């Protein structure tokens, strides 16, 4: 092993708003003091309840992914385990997510976009 994952960084137009969206999804603390980085208008963090750290950095002229358009690919996506996909759907939509692919009732996952356009999946756990 060469390294440990420190955090996952998402480019966006509004770091603070995106950090709050993921706080609603995962719990935790936005912009908790941490010696590894400074927060500000261009950088926000979320120390999630699970121990995961997400960071959000402002990018000038940010271009959101357009799933599944290969001209503007998703670049990466996050999968989140949920016990009740229907309840989770309502909560993420209320928090500002967009449903990209609702799939069928027999499928265990659905695809959403966060407020900055990054695709993520809610997967039945």
N, C-alpha and C. Protein backbone atom coordinates (compact mmCIF):
# COMPACT_ATOMS: atom_id res chain seq x y z
N UNK A 1 0.85 -1.18 0.00
CA UNK A 1 0.00 0.00 0.00
C UNK A 1 0.89 1.24 0.00
N UNK A 2 0.56 2.17 -0.87
CA UNK A 2 1.33 3.40 -0.99
C UNK A 2 0.68 4.54 -0.24
N UNK A 3 -0.64 4.59 -0.21
CA UNK A 3 -1.33 5.74 0.37
C UNK A 3 -2.69 5.35 0.91
N UNK A 4 -3.26 6.22 1.73
CA UNK A 4 -4.64 6.12 2.20
C UNK A 4 -5.45 7.21 1.52
N UNK A 5 -6.67 6.92 1.22
CA UNK A 5 -7.53 7.94 0.64
C UNK A 5 -7.81 9.01 1.69
N UNK A 6 -7.44 10.24 1.40
CA UNK A 6 -7.66 11.34 2.34
C UNK A 6 -9.05 11.92 2.20
N UNK A 7 -9.44 12.19 0.97
CA UNK A 7 -10.78 12.71 0.72
C UNK A 7 -11.07 12.59 -0.77
N UNK A 8 -12.31 12.75 -1.13
CA UNK A 8 -12.73 12.82 -2.51
C UNK A 8 -13.09 14.27 -2.78
N UNK A 9 -12.54 14.84 -3.86
CA UNK A 9 -12.75 16.26 -4.16
C UNK A 9 -13.64 16.38 -5.39
N UNK A 10 -14.69 17.16 -5.27
CA UNK A 10 -15.61 17.40 -6.37
C UNK A 10 -15.48 18.85 -6.82
N UNK A 11 -15.29 19.06 -8.12
CA UNK A 11 -15.32 20.41 -8.68
C UNK A 11 -16.77 20.88 -8.72
N UNK A 12 -16.97 22.18 -8.55
CA UNK A 12 -18.32 22.73 -8.58
C UNK A 12 -18.26 24.25 -8.67
N UNK A 13 -19.40 24.86 -8.78
CA UNK A 13 -19.48 26.32 -8.81
C UNK A 13 -19.67 26.91 -7.42
N UNK A 14 -20.34 26.19 -6.52
CA UNK A 14 -20.67 26.70 -5.18
C UNK A 14 -20.28 25.68 -4.11
N UNK A 15 -19.04 25.71 -3.62
CA UNK A 15 -18.56 24.70 -2.67
C UNK A 15 -19.40 24.58 -1.40
N UNK A 16 -19.77 25.69 -0.79
CA UNK A 16 -20.54 25.63 0.45
C UNK A 16 -21.90 24.99 0.27
N UNK A 17 -22.58 25.33 -0.82
CA UNK A 17 -23.90 24.75 -1.09
C UNK A 17 -23.81 23.25 -1.34
N UNK A 18 -22.80 22.82 -2.08
CA UNK A 18 -22.67 21.40 -2.36
C UNK A 18 -22.28 20.62 -1.09
N UNK A 19 -21.46 21.20 -0.24
CA UNK A 19 -21.12 20.57 1.04
C UNK A 19 -22.38 20.38 1.88
N UNK A 20 -23.26 21.38 1.90
CA UNK A 20 -24.51 21.27 2.66
C UNK A 20 -25.42 20.18 2.09
N UNK A 21 -25.48 20.06 0.76
CA UNK A 21 -26.27 19.00 0.14
C UNK A 21 -25.79 17.63 0.63
N UNK A 22 -24.48 17.40 0.58
CA UNK A 22 -23.97 16.10 1.00
C UNK A 22 -24.08 15.90 2.51
N UNK A 23 -24.09 16.98 3.29
CA UNK A 23 -24.32 16.85 4.73
C UNK A 23 -25.73 16.33 4.99
N UNK A 24 -26.71 16.82 4.23
CA UNK A 24 -28.07 16.32 4.37
C UNK A 24 -28.16 14.85 4.01
N UNK A 25 -27.37 14.42 3.04
CA UNK A 25 -27.38 13.02 2.59
C UNK A 25 -26.64 12.11 3.57
N UNK A 26 -25.48 12.55 4.08
CA UNK A 26 -24.59 11.67 4.84
C UNK A 26 -24.44 12.02 6.32
N UNK A 27 -24.97 13.18 6.74
CA UNK A 27 -24.71 13.62 8.11
C UNK A 27 -23.28 14.15 8.21
N UNK A 28 -22.94 14.63 9.37
CA UNK A 28 -21.56 15.09 9.59
C UNK A 28 -21.47 16.59 9.76
N UNK A 29 -20.27 17.11 9.55
CA UNK A 29 -19.97 18.51 9.82
C UNK A 29 -19.33 19.16 8.60
N UNK A 30 -19.91 20.29 8.20
CA UNK A 30 -19.34 21.08 7.10
C UNK A 30 -18.27 21.99 7.67
N UNK A 31 -17.13 22.02 7.00
CA UNK A 31 -16.02 22.92 7.32
C UNK A 31 -15.51 22.78 8.76
N UNK A 32 -15.44 21.54 9.23
CA UNK A 32 -14.84 21.26 10.54
C UNK A 32 -13.36 21.62 10.47
N UNK A 33 -12.83 22.28 11.49
CA UNK A 33 -11.40 22.60 11.46
C UNK A 33 -10.56 21.33 11.26
N UNK A 34 -9.59 21.44 10.37
CA UNK A 34 -8.75 20.30 10.03
C UNK A 34 -7.42 20.86 9.55
N UNK A 35 -6.33 20.43 10.13
CA UNK A 35 -5.01 20.97 9.80
C UNK A 35 -4.58 20.69 8.37
N UNK A 36 -5.25 19.75 7.69
CA UNK A 36 -4.84 19.36 6.34
C UNK A 36 -5.22 20.38 5.28
N UNK A 37 -6.18 21.25 5.54
CA UNK A 37 -6.59 22.22 4.54
C UNK A 37 -7.33 23.38 5.19
N UNK A 38 -7.39 24.48 4.46
CA UNK A 38 -8.13 25.66 4.90
C UNK A 38 -9.41 25.74 4.08
N UNK A 39 -10.48 26.15 4.71
CA UNK A 39 -11.74 26.32 4.00
C UNK A 39 -11.96 27.80 3.73
N UNK A 40 -12.81 28.08 2.77
CA UNK A 40 -13.09 29.46 2.40
C UNK A 40 -14.10 29.49 1.28
N UNK A 41 -14.16 30.60 0.57
CA UNK A 41 -15.13 30.73 -0.52
C UNK A 41 -14.89 29.72 -1.64
N UNK A 42 -13.64 29.30 -1.83
CA UNK A 42 -13.31 28.42 -2.94
C UNK A 42 -13.12 26.97 -2.53
N UNK A 43 -13.27 26.64 -1.25
CA UNK A 43 -13.01 25.27 -0.78
C UNK A 43 -13.87 25.01 0.45
N UNK A 44 -14.62 23.93 0.42
CA UNK A 44 -15.42 23.52 1.57
C UNK A 44 -15.20 22.02 1.79
N UNK A 45 -15.45 21.57 3.00
CA UNK A 45 -15.29 20.15 3.30
C UNK A 45 -16.52 19.63 4.04
N UNK A 46 -16.67 18.32 3.97
CA UNK A 46 -17.66 17.62 4.78
C UNK A 46 -16.96 16.44 5.43
N UNK A 47 -16.93 16.43 6.75
CA UNK A 47 -16.50 15.26 7.50
C UNK A 47 -17.79 14.50 7.81
N UNK A 48 -18.08 13.47 7.00
CA UNK A 48 -19.33 12.73 7.11
C UNK A 48 -19.35 11.89 8.39
N UNK A 49 -20.55 11.54 8.81
CA UNK A 49 -20.72 10.74 10.03
C UNK A 49 -19.99 9.40 9.94
N UNK A 50 -19.83 8.87 8.73
CA UNK A 50 -19.17 7.57 8.53
C UNK A 50 -17.65 7.66 8.63
N UNK A 51 -17.10 8.88 8.65
CA UNK A 51 -15.66 9.06 8.65
C UNK A 51 -15.11 9.49 7.30
N UNK A 52 -15.91 9.34 6.25
CA UNK A 52 -15.52 9.78 4.91
C UNK A 52 -15.37 11.30 4.90
N UNK A 53 -14.39 11.79 4.16
CA UNK A 53 -14.24 13.24 3.98
C UNK A 53 -14.42 13.55 2.50
N UNK A 54 -15.35 14.45 2.22
CA UNK A 54 -15.55 14.98 0.88
C UNK A 54 -15.10 16.44 0.89
N UNK A 55 -14.48 16.87 -0.20
CA UNK A 55 -14.10 18.27 -0.34
C UNK A 55 -14.69 18.79 -1.64
N UNK A 56 -14.93 20.09 -1.66
CA UNK A 56 -15.60 20.73 -2.79
C UNK A 56 -14.80 21.97 -3.16
N UNK A 57 -14.36 22.03 -4.42
CA UNK A 57 -13.55 23.17 -4.83
C UNK A 57 -14.22 23.93 -5.97
N UNK A 58 -14.18 25.25 -5.84
CA UNK A 58 -14.76 26.11 -6.87
C UNK A 58 -13.89 26.06 -8.12
N UNK A 59 -14.55 25.94 -9.27
CA UNK A 59 -13.88 25.93 -10.56
C UNK A 59 -14.53 27.01 -11.42
N UNK A 60 -13.71 27.90 -11.95
CA UNK A 60 -14.24 28.94 -12.83
C UNK A 60 -14.85 28.28 -14.06
N UNK A 61 -15.99 28.76 -14.48
CA UNK A 61 -16.68 28.24 -15.66
C UNK A 61 -16.96 26.74 -15.56
N UNK A 62 -17.36 26.31 -14.37
CA UNK A 62 -17.65 24.89 -14.13
C UNK A 62 -18.67 24.38 -15.15
N UNK A 63 -18.40 23.22 -15.74
CA UNK A 63 -19.30 22.56 -16.69
C UNK A 63 -19.76 21.26 -16.07
N UNK A 64 -21.02 21.16 -15.72
CA UNK A 64 -21.56 19.96 -15.08
C UNK A 64 -21.56 18.78 -16.05
N UNK A 65 -21.35 17.57 -15.52
CA UNK A 65 -21.51 16.38 -16.37
C UNK A 65 -22.95 16.29 -16.86
N UNK A 66 -23.13 15.61 -17.99
CA UNK A 66 -24.48 15.36 -18.51
C UNK A 66 -24.63 13.86 -18.74
N UNK A 67 -24.96 13.16 -17.70
CA UNK A 67 -25.10 11.71 -17.76
C UNK A 67 -26.28 11.34 -18.64
N UNK A 68 -26.18 10.42 -19.54
CA UNK A 68 -25.02 9.61 -19.92
C UNK A 68 -24.30 10.13 -21.17
N UNK A 69 -24.32 11.41 -21.42
CA UNK A 69 -23.72 12.01 -22.62
C UNK A 69 -22.20 11.90 -22.59
N UNK A 70 -21.58 11.16 -23.53
CA UNK A 70 -20.13 11.01 -23.52
C UNK A 70 -19.38 12.31 -23.82
N UNK A 71 -20.06 13.29 -24.39
CA UNK A 71 -19.40 14.58 -24.66
C UNK A 71 -19.13 15.33 -23.36
N UNK A 72 -19.93 15.09 -22.33
CA UNK A 72 -19.72 15.68 -21.00
C UNK A 72 -19.89 14.56 -19.98
N UNK A 73 -18.91 13.65 -19.88
CA UNK A 73 -19.05 12.44 -19.07
C UNK A 73 -19.12 12.73 -17.58
N UNK A 74 -19.57 11.71 -16.86
CA UNK A 74 -19.74 11.86 -15.42
C UNK A 74 -18.41 12.01 -14.69
N UNK A 75 -17.31 11.58 -15.26
CA UNK A 75 -15.98 11.69 -14.68
C UNK A 75 -15.79 10.71 -13.52
N UNK A 76 -16.73 10.61 -12.65
CA UNK A 76 -16.76 9.64 -11.57
C UNK A 76 -18.17 9.69 -11.01
N UNK A 77 -18.52 8.72 -10.17
CA UNK A 77 -19.77 8.84 -9.43
C UNK A 77 -19.61 8.14 -8.09
N UNK A 78 -20.49 8.47 -7.18
CA UNK A 78 -20.48 7.91 -5.83
C UNK A 78 -21.70 7.02 -5.67
N UNK A 79 -21.54 5.89 -5.02
CA UNK A 79 -22.66 5.01 -4.67
C UNK A 79 -22.91 5.10 -3.17
N UNK A 80 -24.17 5.27 -2.80
CA UNK A 80 -24.56 5.35 -1.40
C UNK A 80 -25.57 4.26 -1.09
N UNK A 81 -25.30 3.46 -0.06
CA UNK A 81 -26.21 2.39 0.34
C UNK A 81 -27.37 2.98 1.15
N UNK A 82 -28.60 2.54 0.83
CA UNK A 82 -29.79 2.97 1.56
C UNK A 82 -30.67 1.76 1.85
N UNK A 83 -31.39 1.80 2.96
CA UNK A 83 -32.29 0.69 3.28
C UNK A 83 -33.66 0.87 2.65
N UNK A 84 -34.08 2.10 2.45
CA UNK A 84 -35.40 2.38 1.87
C UNK A 84 -35.22 3.34 0.69
N UNK A 85 -35.07 2.80 -0.53
CA UNK A 85 -34.80 3.66 -1.69
C UNK A 85 -35.89 4.69 -1.97
N UNK A 86 -37.15 4.37 -1.68
CA UNK A 86 -38.23 5.32 -1.93
C UNK A 86 -38.13 6.52 -0.99
N UNK A 87 -37.91 6.25 0.28
CA UNK A 87 -37.77 7.34 1.24
C UNK A 87 -36.52 8.16 0.93
N UNK A 88 -35.41 7.49 0.60
CA UNK A 88 -34.17 8.18 0.27
C UNK A 88 -34.36 9.06 -0.97
N UNK A 89 -35.13 8.57 -1.96
CA UNK A 89 -35.40 9.36 -3.17
C UNK A 89 -36.07 10.67 -2.79
N UNK A 90 -37.11 10.60 -1.98
CA UNK A 90 -37.83 11.82 -1.60
C UNK A 90 -36.92 12.79 -0.86
N UNK A 91 -36.06 12.27 0.01
CA UNK A 91 -35.18 13.13 0.79
C UNK A 91 -34.12 13.81 -0.07
N UNK A 92 -33.50 13.05 -1.01
CA UNK A 92 -32.47 13.69 -1.84
C UNK A 92 -33.09 14.67 -2.84
N UNK A 93 -34.29 14.37 -3.34
CA UNK A 93 -34.95 15.32 -4.23
C UNK A 93 -35.30 16.60 -3.48
N UNK A 94 -35.78 16.47 -2.26
CA UNK A 94 -36.11 17.64 -1.45
C UNK A 94 -34.86 18.46 -1.12
N UNK A 95 -33.71 17.80 -1.05
CA UNK A 95 -32.46 18.49 -0.75
C UNK A 95 -31.84 19.16 -1.98
N UNK A 96 -32.38 18.88 -3.17
CA UNK A 96 -31.89 19.55 -4.37
C UNK A 96 -31.34 18.63 -5.45
N UNK A 97 -31.41 17.32 -5.25
CA UNK A 97 -30.96 16.37 -6.27
C UNK A 97 -31.96 16.32 -7.42
N UNK A 98 -31.51 15.78 -8.53
CA UNK A 98 -32.34 15.55 -9.71
C UNK A 98 -32.29 14.07 -10.05
N UNK A 99 -33.45 13.47 -10.32
CA UNK A 99 -33.49 12.08 -10.74
C UNK A 99 -33.05 12.00 -12.20
N UNK A 100 -32.03 11.18 -12.47
CA UNK A 100 -31.56 10.98 -13.84
C UNK A 100 -32.09 9.69 -14.44
N UNK A 101 -32.18 8.64 -13.62
CA UNK A 101 -32.63 7.33 -14.10
C UNK A 101 -33.30 6.60 -12.95
N UNK A 102 -34.64 6.52 -13.01
CA UNK A 102 -35.40 5.86 -11.95
C UNK A 102 -35.41 4.35 -12.07
N UNK A 103 -35.01 3.82 -13.22
CA UNK A 103 -34.95 2.38 -13.39
C UNK A 103 -36.30 1.72 -13.18
N UNK A 104 -36.27 0.46 -12.86
CA UNK A 104 -37.49 -0.30 -12.61
C UNK A 104 -37.55 -0.68 -11.14
N UNK A 105 -38.72 -1.10 -10.69
CA UNK A 105 -38.87 -1.49 -9.29
C UNK A 105 -37.99 -2.68 -8.93
N UNK A 106 -37.66 -3.52 -9.91
CA UNK A 106 -36.84 -4.70 -9.63
C UNK A 106 -35.35 -4.37 -9.54
N UNK A 107 -34.95 -3.20 -10.05
CA UNK A 107 -33.54 -2.82 -10.02
C UNK A 107 -33.19 -2.26 -8.64
N UNK A 108 -32.00 -2.55 -8.16
CA UNK A 108 -31.61 -2.15 -6.80
C UNK A 108 -31.01 -0.75 -6.72
N UNK A 109 -30.89 -0.03 -7.82
CA UNK A 109 -30.25 1.29 -7.79
C UNK A 109 -30.96 2.28 -8.70
N UNK A 110 -30.80 3.56 -8.34
CA UNK A 110 -31.33 4.68 -9.13
C UNK A 110 -30.23 5.72 -9.24
N UNK A 111 -30.24 6.45 -10.34
CA UNK A 111 -29.19 7.44 -10.60
C UNK A 111 -29.77 8.84 -10.42
N UNK A 112 -29.02 9.67 -9.70
CA UNK A 112 -29.40 11.06 -9.42
C UNK A 112 -28.23 11.97 -9.78
N UNK A 113 -28.48 13.25 -9.80
CA UNK A 113 -27.41 14.24 -9.89
C UNK A 113 -27.51 15.14 -8.68
N UNK A 114 -26.36 15.49 -8.12
CA UNK A 114 -26.35 16.46 -7.03
C UNK A 114 -26.62 17.84 -7.62
N UNK A 115 -26.75 18.89 -6.80
CA UNK A 115 -27.08 20.21 -7.33
C UNK A 115 -26.06 20.77 -8.32
N UNK A 116 -24.82 20.26 -8.31
CA UNK A 116 -23.82 20.72 -9.27
C UNK A 116 -23.74 19.83 -10.50
N UNK A 117 -24.59 18.79 -10.58
CA UNK A 117 -24.65 17.93 -11.75
C UNK A 117 -23.87 16.64 -11.67
N UNK A 118 -23.17 16.36 -10.54
CA UNK A 118 -22.42 15.12 -10.41
C UNK A 118 -23.38 13.95 -10.20
N UNK A 119 -23.29 12.91 -11.04
CA UNK A 119 -24.14 11.74 -10.85
C UNK A 119 -23.76 10.97 -9.58
N UNK A 120 -24.77 10.42 -8.93
CA UNK A 120 -24.55 9.50 -7.81
C UNK A 120 -25.70 8.51 -7.81
N UNK A 121 -25.45 7.36 -7.20
CA UNK A 121 -26.48 6.32 -7.13
C UNK A 121 -26.89 6.07 -5.69
N UNK A 122 -28.18 5.82 -5.51
CA UNK A 122 -28.69 5.29 -4.25
C UNK A 122 -28.96 3.81 -4.51
N UNK A 123 -28.31 2.96 -3.73
CA UNK A 123 -28.35 1.52 -3.95
C UNK A 123 -29.01 0.86 -2.75
N UNK A 124 -30.02 0.02 -3.01
CA UNK A 124 -30.69 -0.69 -1.93
C UNK A 124 -29.67 -1.56 -1.20
N UNK A 125 -29.60 -1.41 0.12
CA UNK A 125 -28.63 -2.13 0.94
C UNK A 125 -29.28 -3.36 1.54
